[in-house]
Amino acid sequence: MALDLSNKQWPVHPSKNPEFDLSSSHVKNIEKYHHRSFTQEGAMVAMPLAFPGITTPIPADECAIISLGMDSTRMVFGGTAGRAAHVFAAMTRGVTGIVHDLGVIPGATACTAVMPAPDRTIFLAASGSFGGSLYSHPPVPWPYDCFQEWGFSRPGYTEKARVFSDEGIACAVFDELRKTIYGVSDRTGTLFAVETDHPEWEVRTFGKVDAVHRFSRVLVRDNGGNIWGTACNGSLWRFSPEDERLVDLDIWIPCAAGREIHNRAEAFALDPVTGIIYGSGSSDGFLFAFDPEQQAVRSLGKPGVSPTIRALTVGNDGRLFGMCGGDDDIAHLFVYDPADGTLRDIGTPVSLYGARTYGYVFASALTGKDGELFFGQAERMSHIWQYFPAIPQRERA
C-alpha cells in the first residue's frame, strides 16, 4: 500500500531557515569541521608514475617511492622499493606532465638514494640480494614539450661499485665539491665513501656509526660539507670529510622521557639559507631544529598523533613542510613556520584532479624550482604528489 506523503513535514536545510546567520560562529564551525580533515590550504595533485595515455605506470608492489633527487635543470628523479626497484624521471614544467620509468635496477629491491651530479649524471644507491651497490645512469634529455614526438629511451644502469656483499645501503649523499658519495650500510651502520672521479671507484670505510646498530637510516649533509646522523638513544654523530673523523656527540634529538632507546632520526631536511637542519624522531614523532654551528637542538613539538615522520622539505619561503603517518595511518600534511614558531596540521592529502586519490604513506620529499613541493608516496600503488603551498597574503600599508 502506497504511503500518503502529501502532508509530510520535510526537514528544512539550515540555510533556508530565516534565522540562519552566515556570520554565526556555529555555521563557521560546521563549515570548518566538514572540510578540516583534508588539505585545508594550497592544492595537491597526485601524478601517476607514467605518461598518461601513452605508457603504463610502474607496477604495483614495485612503486613505493623511498628516495627523491633533482638535477641542475630541476628535473625530479625518484627511486622505488618493492619486488623490484625502479628509477623514474618526473617532468612537470612547461608542456610536459609526465613520469618516465627508466627501468628496473637489475636484482635490486630498493633504491635508497638518487643523487644527480652537476653534469646531470645520476648516481644511485641500491640494495638487493647481492648486497649494496652504487650505480650511474646517463643524463635524461629534457623533452622541451610533449606536443612533439619524444623518444622514451632506457639506456640502462652501470654498476660502479659493489660496496657491500652481505648488507644493503641504508642511505647515501653526494658531495659535489669533493665528487664523493658518502653512505651508511643498512645492517651494521658502516660508514663508507666512494670518489666518483676515481677510475676504480674505490670503497673506503670509516667504522660503524653505532656499536649496537640502533642508528638512523637517513643522513644529511650540512652547508659546510659535514655528514650527520644519529646513533643509539638518538645521539647525533658527525663525519668531517676534511679530516675524515667520525665523532659521537653528547647531543640528543628530542623524545618523551624514557623513550630514548627507541629514538633515531627518521627524516632530515636542510635549510640551505640558514643552515638549520630539521629532523624527526622515530619514538614519538617530535620535530626538531639543529644548528650545526651552535651544536644545539631545539624541539619544535609534535605535529600529529602518529610517531612516524619520514618526509620533510624546506620550502622556498623557509617554512618546513612534512608528512606524518606510518604504515597503519593516513598521512597528515603539516607546516612549521620559523618566523612565528607555529606548527599547524594542514590535513590529509587528497588529489581532486583526475582520479580522486588519497595519500596514506609517504617516505620522501623535496622542493621544486618554483616552490612546488614533491612528496613520494610509499604504498603498494603509489603516485608522485605535487603540493602547491598557499602563499601568505601581504599586509597592506
Protein backbone atom coordinates (compact mmCIF):
# COMPACT_ATOMS: atom_id res chain seq x y z
CA MET A 1 0.00 0.00 0.00
CA ALA A 2 1.37 3.40 -1.00
CA LEU A 3 2.14 5.89 1.76
CA ASP A 4 0.40 9.26 1.74
CA LEU A 5 3.19 11.82 1.89
CA SER A 6 1.14 14.85 0.90
CA ASN A 7 1.08 16.24 4.44
CA LYS A 8 4.58 15.07 5.35
CA GLN A 9 6.68 17.72 7.10
CA TRP A 10 10.13 17.51 5.50
CA PRO A 11 13.26 18.76 7.28
CA VAL A 12 14.39 22.20 6.16
CA HIS A 13 18.05 22.81 5.29
CA PRO A 14 19.61 25.23 7.83
CA SER A 15 20.43 27.70 5.04
CA LYS A 16 16.69 28.09 4.27
CA ASN A 17 15.90 28.91 7.88
CA PRO A 18 15.03 32.61 8.19
CA GLU A 19 17.09 32.73 11.36
CA PHE A 20 20.12 31.28 9.59
CA ASP A 21 23.10 33.60 10.04
CA LEU A 22 26.09 33.05 7.75
CA SER A 23 28.31 35.03 10.10
CA SER A 24 27.50 32.99 13.20
CA SER A 25 30.29 31.03 14.86
CA HIS A 26 28.11 27.90 14.74
CA VAL A 27 27.88 27.99 10.94
CA LYS A 28 31.59 28.74 10.60
CA ASN A 29 32.46 25.83 12.87
CA ILE A 30 30.24 23.45 10.87
CA GLU A 31 31.94 24.51 7.63
CA LYS A 32 35.38 24.16 9.15
CA TYR A 33 34.54 20.76 10.64
CA HIS A 34 33.34 19.31 7.31
CA HIS A 35 36.49 20.34 5.47
CA ARG A 36 39.19 20.21 8.13
CA SER A 37 40.02 16.50 7.69
CA PHE A 38 41.57 17.11 4.27
CA THR A 39 44.03 19.61 2.83
CA GLN A 40 42.83 22.99 4.06
CA GLU A 41 45.11 25.26 2.06
CA GLY A 42 47.04 25.04 -1.17
CA ALA A 43 46.40 22.32 -3.75
CA MET A 44 47.64 18.76 -4.22
CA VAL A 45 47.95 16.74 -7.43
CA ALA A 46 48.75 13.01 -7.48
CA MET A 47 50.58 12.13 -10.70
CA PRO A 48 50.63 8.50 -11.88
CA LEU A 49 54.07 7.06 -12.48
CA ALA A 50 53.57 7.11 -16.25
CA PHE A 51 52.97 9.32 -19.29
CA PRO A 52 49.14 9.40 -19.08
CA GLY A 53 47.56 7.71 -22.10
CA ILE A 54 50.91 6.65 -23.53
CA THR A 55 52.76 4.39 -21.08
CA THR A 56 51.73 2.07 -18.25
CA PRO A 57 52.57 3.01 -14.65
CA ILE A 58 55.31 1.29 -12.67
CA PRO A 59 53.69 -1.97 -11.48
CA ALA A 60 52.05 -2.34 -8.10
CA ASP A 61 54.36 -3.68 -5.39
CA GLU A 62 57.33 -2.10 -7.22
CA CYS A 63 56.43 1.59 -6.98
CA ALA A 64 56.86 2.67 -3.33
CA ILE A 65 58.87 5.91 -3.65
CA ILE A 66 61.57 5.98 -0.98
CA SER A 67 64.07 8.50 -2.42
CA LEU A 68 63.90 11.70 -4.45
CA GLY A 69 66.50 13.93 -6.09
CA MET A 70 66.64 16.87 -8.51
CA ASP A 71 69.20 17.72 -11.19
CA SER A 72 70.53 21.09 -12.36
CA THR A 73 67.58 21.55 -14.76
CA ARG A 74 65.18 20.89 -11.86
CA MET A 75 64.08 17.57 -13.32
CA VAL A 76 62.91 15.33 -10.46
CA PHE A 77 64.09 11.74 -10.09
CA GLY A 78 62.77 9.07 -7.79
CA GLY A 79 63.81 5.64 -6.58
CA THR A 80 61.34 2.93 -5.61
CA ALA A 81 61.24 -0.20 -3.46
CA GLY A 82 59.30 -3.45 -3.62
CA ARG A 83 59.66 -6.69 -5.56
CA ALA A 84 61.89 -4.70 -7.90
CA ALA A 85 63.47 -1.25 -7.69
CA HIS A 86 62.84 1.32 -10.43
CA VAL A 87 64.15 4.81 -11.09
CA PHE A 88 61.93 7.40 -12.77
CA ALA A 89 62.19 10.93 -14.13
CA ALA A 90 59.30 13.33 -13.46
CA MET A 91 58.85 16.36 -15.71
CA THR A 92 56.16 18.84 -14.69
CA ARG A 93 57.44 22.11 -16.12
CA GLY A 94 56.26 23.57 -19.40
CA VAL A 95 54.19 21.29 -21.64
CA THR A 96 55.33 18.00 -20.13
CA GLY A 97 53.39 16.47 -17.22
CA ILE A 98 54.96 13.04 -17.50
CA VAL A 99 56.75 10.45 -15.41
CA HIS A 100 59.22 8.29 -17.35
CA ASP A 101 60.17 4.91 -15.89
CA LEU A 102 63.89 4.48 -16.52
CA GLY A 103 63.62 0.76 -15.81
CA VAL A 104 64.45 -1.82 -13.17
CA ILE A 105 67.82 -1.83 -11.45
CA PRO A 106 68.90 -5.47 -12.02
CA GLY A 107 68.40 -7.57 -8.90
CA ALA A 108 67.60 -4.59 -6.66
CA THR A 109 64.61 -4.35 -4.34
CA ALA A 110 65.26 -0.83 -3.02
CA CYS A 111 66.78 2.33 -4.50
CA THR A 112 67.68 4.20 -1.33
CA ALA A 113 69.36 7.27 -2.83
CA VAL A 114 69.08 9.22 -6.10
CA MET A 115 71.96 11.70 -6.46
CA PRO A 116 72.15 13.80 -9.65
CA ALA A 117 75.63 15.24 -10.31
CA PRO A 118 76.27 18.75 -11.74
CA ASP A 119 76.76 17.23 -15.23
CA ARG A 120 73.31 15.59 -14.80
CA THR A 121 74.73 12.07 -14.46
CA ILE A 122 72.55 10.25 -11.94
CA PHE A 123 74.27 8.31 -9.16
CA LEU A 124 72.18 5.68 -7.39
CA ALA A 125 72.47 3.59 -4.24
CA ALA A 126 70.57 0.30 -4.37
CA SER A 127 70.14 -2.83 -2.27
CA GLY A 128 69.08 -6.37 -3.02
CA SER A 129 70.08 -9.99 -2.57
CA PHE A 130 73.51 -9.05 -3.94
CA GLY A 131 74.10 -6.61 -1.04
CA GLY A 132 74.54 -2.89 -1.67
CA SER A 133 75.88 -1.23 -4.82
CA LEU A 134 76.39 2.17 -6.41
CA TYR A 135 75.26 2.76 -9.99
CA SER A 136 75.34 5.51 -12.58
CA HIS A 137 72.78 6.46 -15.22
CA PRO A 138 73.44 8.88 -18.09
CA PRO A 139 71.65 12.27 -18.16
CA VAL A 140 67.99 12.20 -19.14
CA PRO A 141 67.32 14.62 -22.03
CA TRP A 142 64.89 17.44 -21.41
CA PRO A 143 61.91 16.94 -23.81
CA TYR A 144 61.06 20.65 -24.14
CA ASP A 145 57.40 19.87 -24.72
CA CYS A 146 55.31 16.79 -25.32
CA PHE A 147 53.44 18.20 -28.32
CA GLN A 148 56.37 16.95 -30.36
CA GLU A 149 57.46 13.35 -30.64
CA TRP A 150 59.83 12.49 -27.86
CA GLY A 151 61.75 9.25 -27.54
CA PHE A 152 61.47 7.32 -24.29
CA SER A 153 64.93 5.78 -24.09
CA ARG A 154 66.20 3.47 -21.36
CA PRO A 155 69.97 3.33 -21.69
CA GLY A 156 70.32 1.24 -18.53
CA TYR A 157 72.43 1.39 -15.38
CA THR A 158 76.12 0.83 -14.87
CA GLU A 159 77.22 -0.78 -11.62
CA LYS A 160 80.20 1.28 -10.45
CA ALA A 161 80.98 -0.25 -7.05
CA ARG A 162 79.79 -3.22 -5.03
CA VAL A 163 80.06 -1.55 -1.63
CA PHE A 164 78.78 -4.46 0.49
CA SER A 165 78.12 -8.07 -0.41
CA ASP A 166 76.32 -9.05 2.80
CA GLU A 167 74.16 -5.99 3.50
CA GLY A 168 72.47 -3.12 1.72
CA ILE A 169 72.91 0.64 1.67
CA ALA A 170 70.55 2.46 4.02
CA CYS A 171 71.22 5.96 2.69
CA ALA A 172 73.81 7.94 0.73
CA VAL A 173 74.53 11.60 -0.07
CA PHE A 174 76.67 13.18 -2.78
CA ASP A 175 79.32 15.82 -2.09
CA GLU A 176 79.55 17.81 -5.34
CA LEU A 177 82.68 19.67 -4.27
CA ARG A 178 84.66 16.54 -3.43
CA LYS A 179 82.89 14.40 -6.06
CA THR A 180 82.39 11.79 -3.36
CA ILE A 181 79.44 9.66 -2.28
CA TYR A 182 79.10 9.09 1.47
CA GLY A 183 76.75 6.47 2.84
CA VAL A 184 75.94 4.03 5.60
CA SER A 185 75.08 0.33 5.43
CA ASP A 186 71.63 -0.83 6.50
CA ARG A 187 72.53 -3.59 8.98
CA THR A 188 75.79 -2.76 10.73
CA GLY A 189 75.81 1.01 10.17
CA THR A 190 79.21 1.04 8.46
CA LEU A 191 80.10 4.47 7.10
CA PHE A 192 81.73 4.50 3.67
CA ALA A 193 82.97 6.87 0.98
CA VAL A 194 83.50 6.44 -2.77
CA GLU A 195 85.18 9.00 -5.02
CA THR A 196 83.22 9.16 -8.28
CA ASP A 197 86.13 10.55 -10.32
CA HIS A 198 88.40 7.70 -9.20
CA PRO A 199 88.74 5.22 -12.11
CA GLU A 200 88.27 2.24 -9.81
CA TRP A 201 85.54 3.74 -7.59
CA GLU A 202 87.47 2.51 -4.58
CA VAL A 203 85.38 1.95 -1.44
CA ARG A 204 86.76 3.27 1.85
CA THR A 205 85.13 2.59 5.23
CA PHE A 206 85.39 4.57 8.48
CA GLY A 207 83.89 2.25 11.05
CA LYS A 208 80.40 1.86 12.50
CA VAL A 209 78.31 4.87 13.43
CA ASP A 210 76.84 2.91 16.36
CA ALA A 211 78.10 -0.16 18.20
CA VAL A 212 74.67 -1.67 18.91
CA HIS A 213 73.18 -0.94 15.47
CA ARG A 214 70.49 1.49 16.70
CA PHE A 215 71.33 4.11 14.11
CA SER A 216 69.35 6.31 11.74
CA ARG A 217 68.78 5.06 8.21
CA VAL A 218 68.89 8.65 6.95
CA LEU A 219 71.77 11.11 6.53
CA VAL A 220 72.05 14.84 5.94
CA ARG A 221 74.90 16.98 4.66
CA ASP A 222 75.21 20.49 6.11
CA ASN A 223 76.34 23.65 4.33
CA GLY A 224 79.92 23.01 5.46
CA GLY A 225 80.02 19.52 3.94
CA ASN A 226 79.80 17.59 7.22
CA ILE A 227 77.66 14.43 7.29
CA TRP A 228 75.20 13.95 10.16
CA GLY A 229 73.14 11.08 11.54
CA THR A 230 72.00 9.62 14.85
CA ALA A 231 73.22 6.68 16.91
CA CYS A 232 71.87 4.84 19.96
CA ASN A 233 69.32 6.76 22.07
CA GLY A 234 69.07 9.43 19.38
CA SER A 235 72.51 10.93 19.92
CA LEU A 236 73.99 12.83 16.99
CA TRP A 237 77.19 11.85 15.21
CA ARG A 238 79.22 13.88 12.72
CA PHE A 239 81.63 12.88 9.99
CA SER A 240 84.02 15.56 8.78
CA PRO A 241 85.32 14.96 5.21
CA GLU A 242 88.17 17.40 5.88
CA ASP A 243 89.93 15.19 8.43
CA GLU A 244 87.79 12.04 7.86
CA ARG A 245 86.88 11.84 11.55
CA LEU A 246 83.71 10.18 12.82
CA VAL A 247 82.72 11.79 16.14
CA ASP A 248 79.96 10.88 18.61
CA LEU A 249 78.43 13.96 20.22
CA ASP A 250 76.65 14.44 23.54
CA ILE A 251 73.66 15.92 21.75
CA TRP A 252 70.32 14.11 21.61
CA ILE A 253 67.25 14.63 19.47
CA PRO A 254 64.01 15.06 21.49
CA CYS A 255 61.54 12.40 22.57
CA ALA A 256 59.29 11.59 25.53
CA ALA A 257 61.04 10.73 28.81
CA GLY A 258 62.16 7.11 28.93
CA ARG A 259 61.73 6.59 25.19
CA GLU A 260 65.32 7.35 24.22
CA ILE A 261 66.22 3.75 23.43
CA HIS A 262 63.60 3.72 20.64
CA ASN A 263 64.61 7.06 19.20
CA ARG A 264 66.53 7.75 16.00
CA ALA A 265 66.19 10.29 13.21
CA GLU A 266 63.69 9.22 10.55
CA ALA A 267 63.94 12.23 8.24
CA PHE A 268 66.19 15.25 7.73
CA ALA A 269 65.79 18.49 5.76
CA LEU A 270 68.43 21.19 5.38
CA ASP A 271 67.52 24.85 5.08
CA PRO A 272 70.23 25.95 2.60
CA VAL A 273 69.77 29.63 3.50
CA THR A 274 70.02 29.49 7.31
CA GLY A 275 71.99 26.23 7.56
CA ILE A 276 69.48 24.82 10.08
CA ILE A 277 68.90 21.07 9.91
CA TYR A 278 65.34 19.95 10.62
CA GLY A 279 64.53 16.40 11.60
CA SER A 280 62.08 13.97 13.15
CA GLY A 281 62.45 11.32 15.86
CA SER A 282 61.13 7.78 15.47
CA SER A 283 59.97 7.06 19.02
CA ASP A 284 57.29 9.75 19.40
CA GLY A 285 57.25 11.85 16.25
CA PHE A 286 58.82 15.01 17.66
CA LEU A 287 60.18 17.56 15.21
CA PHE A 288 63.45 19.30 15.97
CA ALA A 289 65.74 22.00 14.63
CA PHE A 290 69.50 21.55 14.89
CA ASP A 291 72.03 24.34 14.46
CA PRO A 292 75.36 22.77 13.36
CA GLU A 293 77.28 25.93 14.19
CA GLN A 294 75.96 26.23 17.74
CA GLN A 295 75.55 22.44 18.08
CA ALA A 296 72.18 23.00 19.74
CA VAL A 297 68.94 21.05 19.30
CA ARG A 298 65.53 22.65 19.82
CA SER A 299 62.26 20.69 19.98
CA LEU A 300 59.53 22.07 17.72
CA GLY A 301 56.70 19.93 19.04
CA LYS A 302 54.64 17.07 17.69
CA PRO A 303 52.60 17.76 14.53
CA GLY A 304 50.29 14.73 14.79
CA VAL A 305 49.27 11.65 16.70
CA SER A 306 51.49 9.33 14.66
CA PRO A 307 55.09 8.76 15.80
CA THR A 308 56.23 8.43 12.17
CA ILE A 309 57.53 11.31 10.02
CA ARG A 310 59.60 10.17 7.03
CA ALA A 311 59.13 13.07 4.60
CA LEU A 312 60.41 16.62 5.26
CA THR A 313 61.39 19.50 2.99
CA VAL A 314 62.08 23.22 3.42
CA GLY A 315 60.07 25.45 1.10
CA ASN A 316 61.42 28.42 -0.82
CA ASP A 317 59.95 30.73 1.82
CA GLY A 318 61.80 28.99 4.66
CA ARG A 319 58.80 27.13 6.06
CA LEU A 320 59.19 23.42 6.84
CA PHE A 321 56.64 21.05 5.31
CA GLY A 322 56.26 17.38 6.10
CA MET A 323 54.04 14.32 6.23
CA CYS A 324 53.36 12.39 9.40
CA GLY A 325 51.82 8.93 9.39
CA GLY A 326 53.15 5.39 9.30
CA ASP A 327 52.07 2.17 7.59
CA ASP A 328 48.92 1.89 9.73
CA ASP A 329 47.88 5.56 9.47
CA ILE A 330 46.56 8.00 6.94
CA ALA A 331 49.07 10.77 6.32
CA HIS A 332 48.72 14.35 7.52
CA LEU A 333 50.45 17.28 5.87
CA PHE A 334 51.84 19.86 8.28
CA VAL A 335 53.83 23.08 8.19
CA TYR A 336 56.21 24.74 10.66
CA ASP A 337 56.86 28.47 10.29
CA PRO A 338 60.17 29.55 11.91
CA ALA A 339 59.10 33.21 11.67
CA ASP A 340 56.50 32.85 14.43
CA GLY A 341 57.16 29.32 15.72
CA THR A 342 53.74 27.95 14.72
CA LEU A 343 53.24 24.29 13.88
CA ARG A 344 49.99 23.51 12.03
CA ASP A 345 48.27 20.39 10.71
CA ILE A 346 47.10 21.18 7.16
CA GLY A 347 45.13 17.95 6.74
CA THR A 348 45.05 14.62 4.97
CA PRO A 349 46.42 14.65 1.40
CA VAL A 350 43.74 14.38 -1.25
CA SER A 351 44.02 14.95 -5.00
CA LEU A 352 40.75 16.04 -6.61
CA TYR A 353 42.03 16.17 -10.20
CA GLY A 354 41.61 13.18 -12.47
CA ALA A 355 41.03 10.08 -10.38
CA ARG A 356 40.32 11.10 -6.78
CA THR A 357 43.29 9.90 -4.74
CA TYR A 358 44.09 9.85 -1.03
CA GLY A 359 47.59 9.69 0.44
CA TYR A 360 48.35 7.32 3.30
CA VAL A 361 52.12 6.70 3.48
CA PHE A 362 54.94 8.99 2.30
CA ALA A 363 58.68 8.41 2.64
CA SER A 364 60.43 11.22 0.74
CA ALA A 365 60.07 14.90 -0.16
CA LEU A 366 61.84 17.76 -1.94
CA THR A 367 61.18 21.34 -3.08
CA GLY A 368 60.93 22.19 -6.78
CA LYS A 369 62.12 25.18 -8.80
CA ASP A 370 59.03 27.34 -8.39
CA GLY A 371 58.35 26.46 -4.77
CA GLU A 372 56.13 23.49 -5.51
CA LEU A 373 56.72 20.52 -3.21
CA PHE A 374 57.12 16.89 -4.27
CA PHE A 375 56.15 14.03 -1.95
CA GLY A 376 56.96 10.39 -2.69
CA GLN A 377 54.10 8.06 -1.85
CA ALA A 378 55.31 4.70 -0.49
CA GLU A 379 52.40 2.32 -0.87
CA ARG A 380 51.51 -0.72 -2.96
CA MET A 381 50.23 1.60 -5.71
CA SER A 382 51.95 4.97 -5.48
CA HIS A 383 52.00 8.39 -7.12
CA ILE A 384 54.38 11.30 -7.10
CA TRP A 385 52.45 14.08 -5.36
CA GLN A 386 52.85 17.78 -6.06
CA TYR A 387 51.75 20.30 -3.47
CA PHE A 388 51.36 23.97 -4.26
CA PRO A 389 51.53 25.78 -0.91
CA ALA A 390 49.31 28.73 -0.14
CA ILE A 391 51.27 31.99 -0.43
CA PRO A 392 50.73 34.16 2.66
CA GLN A 393 48.86 37.40 1.95
CA ARG A 394 50.99 40.51 2.33
CA GLU A 395 49.86 43.11 4.80
CA ARG A 396 48.54 46.31 3.25
CA ALA A 397 50.36 49.52 4.12
